[in-house]
Amino acid sequence: MRSEMIQIIIQQTKEKVSAKALEDHEAVVGIMAMAKNYKLSEESVRTIIHEVFDGDKERMAKALTVASHLIDESLIQKIISDVK
């Protein structure tokens, strides 16, 4: 994925989290769904999550932990199909 697209994902996700339109774990679930749909590299996903949470390791860890309990293959596929 092009760098510009990654920056757009970061900016839009950050805005939604800041505006409380998304909970932290919801942002992670969305990022993971985009990663699968757009075939983002692991490095790109790491960069997006790091930027969205301003490098706050505690928030990232908590959001990733909660998201890991919610994400399964069928959920990701449902999110992708809902977006299309």
C-alpha atoms as a PDB file:
ATOM      1  CA  MET A   1       0.000   0.000   0.000  1.00  0.00           C
ATOM      2  CA  ARG A   2       1.246   3.432  -0.835  1.00  0.00           C
ATOM      3  CA  SER A   3       2.580   5.674   1.875  1.00  0.00           C
ATOM      4  CA  GLU A   4      -0.114   8.300   1.195  1.00  0.00           C
ATOM      5  CA  MET A   5      -2.858   5.743   1.848  1.00  0.00           C
ATOM      6  CA  ILE A   6      -1.228   4.710   5.117  1.00  0.00           C
ATOM      7  CA  GLN A   7      -1.099   8.360   6.181  1.00  0.00           C
ATOM      8  CA  ILE A   8      -4.805   8.745   5.366  1.00  0.00           C
ATOM      9  CA  ILE A   9      -5.647   5.661   7.451  1.00  0.00           C
ATOM     10  CA  ILE A  10      -3.580   7.043  10.343  1.00  0.00           C
ATOM     11  CA  GLN A  11      -5.157  10.503  10.141  1.00  0.00           C
ATOM     12  CA  GLN A  12      -8.758   9.312   9.853  1.00  0.00           C
ATOM     13  CA  THR A  13      -8.415   6.681  12.575  1.00  0.00           C
ATOM     14  CA  LYS A  14      -6.677   9.129  14.893  1.00  0.00           C
ATOM     15  CA  GLU A  15      -9.448  11.690  14.374  1.00  0.00           C
ATOM     16  CA  LYS A  16     -12.160   9.131  15.148  1.00  0.00           C
ATOM     17  CA  VAL A  17     -10.379   7.919  18.288  1.00  0.00           C
ATOM     18  CA  SER A  18      -9.794  11.510  19.461  1.00  0.00           C
ATOM     19  CA  ALA A  19     -13.440  12.400  18.855  1.00  0.00           C
ATOM     20  CA  LYS A  20     -14.478   9.274  20.811  1.00  0.00           C
ATOM     21  CA  ALA A  21     -16.268   7.999  17.687  1.00  0.00           C
ATOM     22  CA  LEU A  22     -14.181   4.833  18.095  1.00  0.00           C
ATOM     23  CA  GLU A  23     -12.926   3.083  21.200  1.00  0.00           C
ATOM     24  CA  ASP A  24      -9.237   2.148  21.121  1.00  0.00           C
ATOM     25  CA  HIS A  25      -9.934  -1.556  20.571  1.00  0.00           C
ATOM     26  CA  GLU A  26     -12.434  -0.746  17.812  1.00  0.00           C
ATOM     27  CA  ALA A  27      -9.710   1.209  16.020  1.00  0.00           C
ATOM     28  CA  VAL A  28      -7.415  -1.816  16.236  1.00  0.00           C
ATOM     29  CA  VAL A  29     -10.132  -4.141  14.898  1.00  0.00           C
ATOM     30  CA  GLY A  30     -10.693  -1.736  12.002  1.00  0.00           C
ATOM     31  CA  ILE A  31      -6.972  -1.505  11.282  1.00  0.00           C
ATOM     32  CA  MET A  32      -6.704  -5.293  11.279  1.00  0.00           C
ATOM     33  CA  ALA A  33      -9.643  -5.573   8.882  1.00  0.00           C
ATOM     34  CA  MET A  34      -8.008  -3.028   6.574  1.00  0.00           C
ATOM     35  CA  ALA A  35      -4.728  -4.900   6.860  1.00  0.00           C
ATOM     36  CA  LYS A  36      -6.392  -8.059   5.602  1.00  0.00           C
ATOM     37  CA  ASN A  37      -8.483  -6.364   2.924  1.00  0.00           C
ATOM     38  CA  TYR A  38      -5.652  -4.218   1.544  1.00  0.00           C
ATOM     39  CA  LYS A  39      -2.905  -6.746   2.271  1.00  0.00           C
ATOM     40  CA  LEU A  40      -0.924  -4.388   4.492  1.00  0.00           C
ATOM     41  CA  SER A  41       2.449  -5.586   5.661  1.00  0.00           C
ATOM     42  CA  GLU A  42       3.068  -6.288   9.322  1.00  0.00           C
ATOM     43  CA  GLU A  43       5.387  -3.269   9.374  1.00  0.00           C
ATOM     44  CA  SER A  44       2.651  -1.018   7.960  1.00  0.00           C
ATOM     45  CA  VAL A  45       0.160  -2.227  10.579  1.00  0.00           C
ATOM     46  CA  ARG A  46       2.711  -1.637  13.331  1.00  0.00           C
ATOM     47  CA  THR A  47       3.353   1.891  12.025  1.00  0.00           C
ATOM     48  CA  ILE A  48      -0.371   2.698  11.799  1.00  0.00           C
ATOM     49  CA  ILE A  49      -1.100   1.484  15.328  1.00  0.00           C
ATOM     50  CA  HIS A  50       1.948   3.273  16.739  1.00  0.00           C
ATOM     51  CA  GLU A  51       0.936   6.558  15.089  1.00  0.00           C
ATOM     52  CA  VAL A  52      -2.763   6.306  15.995  1.00  0.00           C
ATOM     53  CA  PHE A  53      -1.848   5.852  19.666  1.00  0.00           C
ATOM     54  CA  ASP A  54       0.995   8.393  19.617  1.00  0.00           C
ATOM     55  CA  GLY A  55       3.442   5.731  20.742  1.00  0.00           C
ATOM     56  CA  ASP A  56       1.577   5.193  24.039  1.00  0.00           C
ATOM     57  CA  LYS A  57       2.642   1.594  24.667  1.00  0.00           C
ATOM     58  CA  GLU A  58       0.205   1.063  27.530  1.00  0.00           C
ATOM     59  CA  ARG A  59      -2.798   2.146  25.421  1.00  0.00           C
ATOM     60  CA  MET A  60      -1.574   0.099  22.462  1.00  0.00           C
ATOM     61  CA  ALA A  61      -1.127  -3.017  24.598  1.00  0.00           C
ATOM     62  CA  LYS A  62      -4.570  -2.646  26.182  1.00  0.00           C
ATOM     63  CA  ALA A  63      -6.292  -2.027  22.832  1.00  0.00           C
ATOM     64  CA  LEU A  64      -4.475  -4.962  21.215  1.00  0.00           C
ATOM     65  CA  THR A  65      -5.376  -7.251  24.107  1.00  0.00           C
ATOM     66  CA  VAL A  66      -9.070  -6.357  23.953  1.00  0.00           C
ATOM     67  CA  ALA A  67      -9.083  -6.596  20.154  1.00  0.00           C
ATOM     68  CA  SER A  68      -7.414 -10.000  20.272  1.00  0.00           C
ATOM     69  CA  HIS A  69     -10.410 -11.316  22.218  1.00  0.00           C
ATOM     70  CA  LEU A  70     -12.806  -9.958  19.593  1.00  0.00           C
ATOM     71  CA  ILE A  71     -11.075 -10.717  16.323  1.00  0.00           C
ATOM     72  CA  ASP A  72     -11.546 -13.951  14.521  1.00  0.00           C
ATOM     73  CA  GLU A  73     -11.550 -14.733  10.830  1.00  0.00           C
ATOM     74  CA  SER A  74     -15.333 -14.539  10.470  1.00  0.00           C
ATOM     75  CA  LEU A  75     -15.473 -11.149  12.212  1.00  0.00           C
ATOM     76  CA  ILE A  76     -12.820  -9.719   9.914  1.00  0.00           C
ATOM     77  CA  GLN A  77     -14.679 -11.058   6.872  1.00  0.00           C
ATOM     78  CA  LYS A  78     -17.933  -9.540   8.167  1.00  0.00           C
ATOM     79  CA  ILE A  79     -16.278  -6.150   8.681  1.00  0.00           C
ATOM     80  CA  ILE A  80     -14.825  -6.285   5.177  1.00  0.00           C
ATOM     81  CA  SER A  81     -18.179  -7.235   3.625  1.00  0.00           C
ATOM     82  CA  ASP A  82     -19.942  -4.466   5.563  1.00  0.00           C
ATOM     83  CA  VAL A  83     -17.486  -1.916   4.208  1.00  0.00           C
ATOM     84  CA  LYS A  84     -17.836  -2.976   0.558  1.00  0.00           C
END
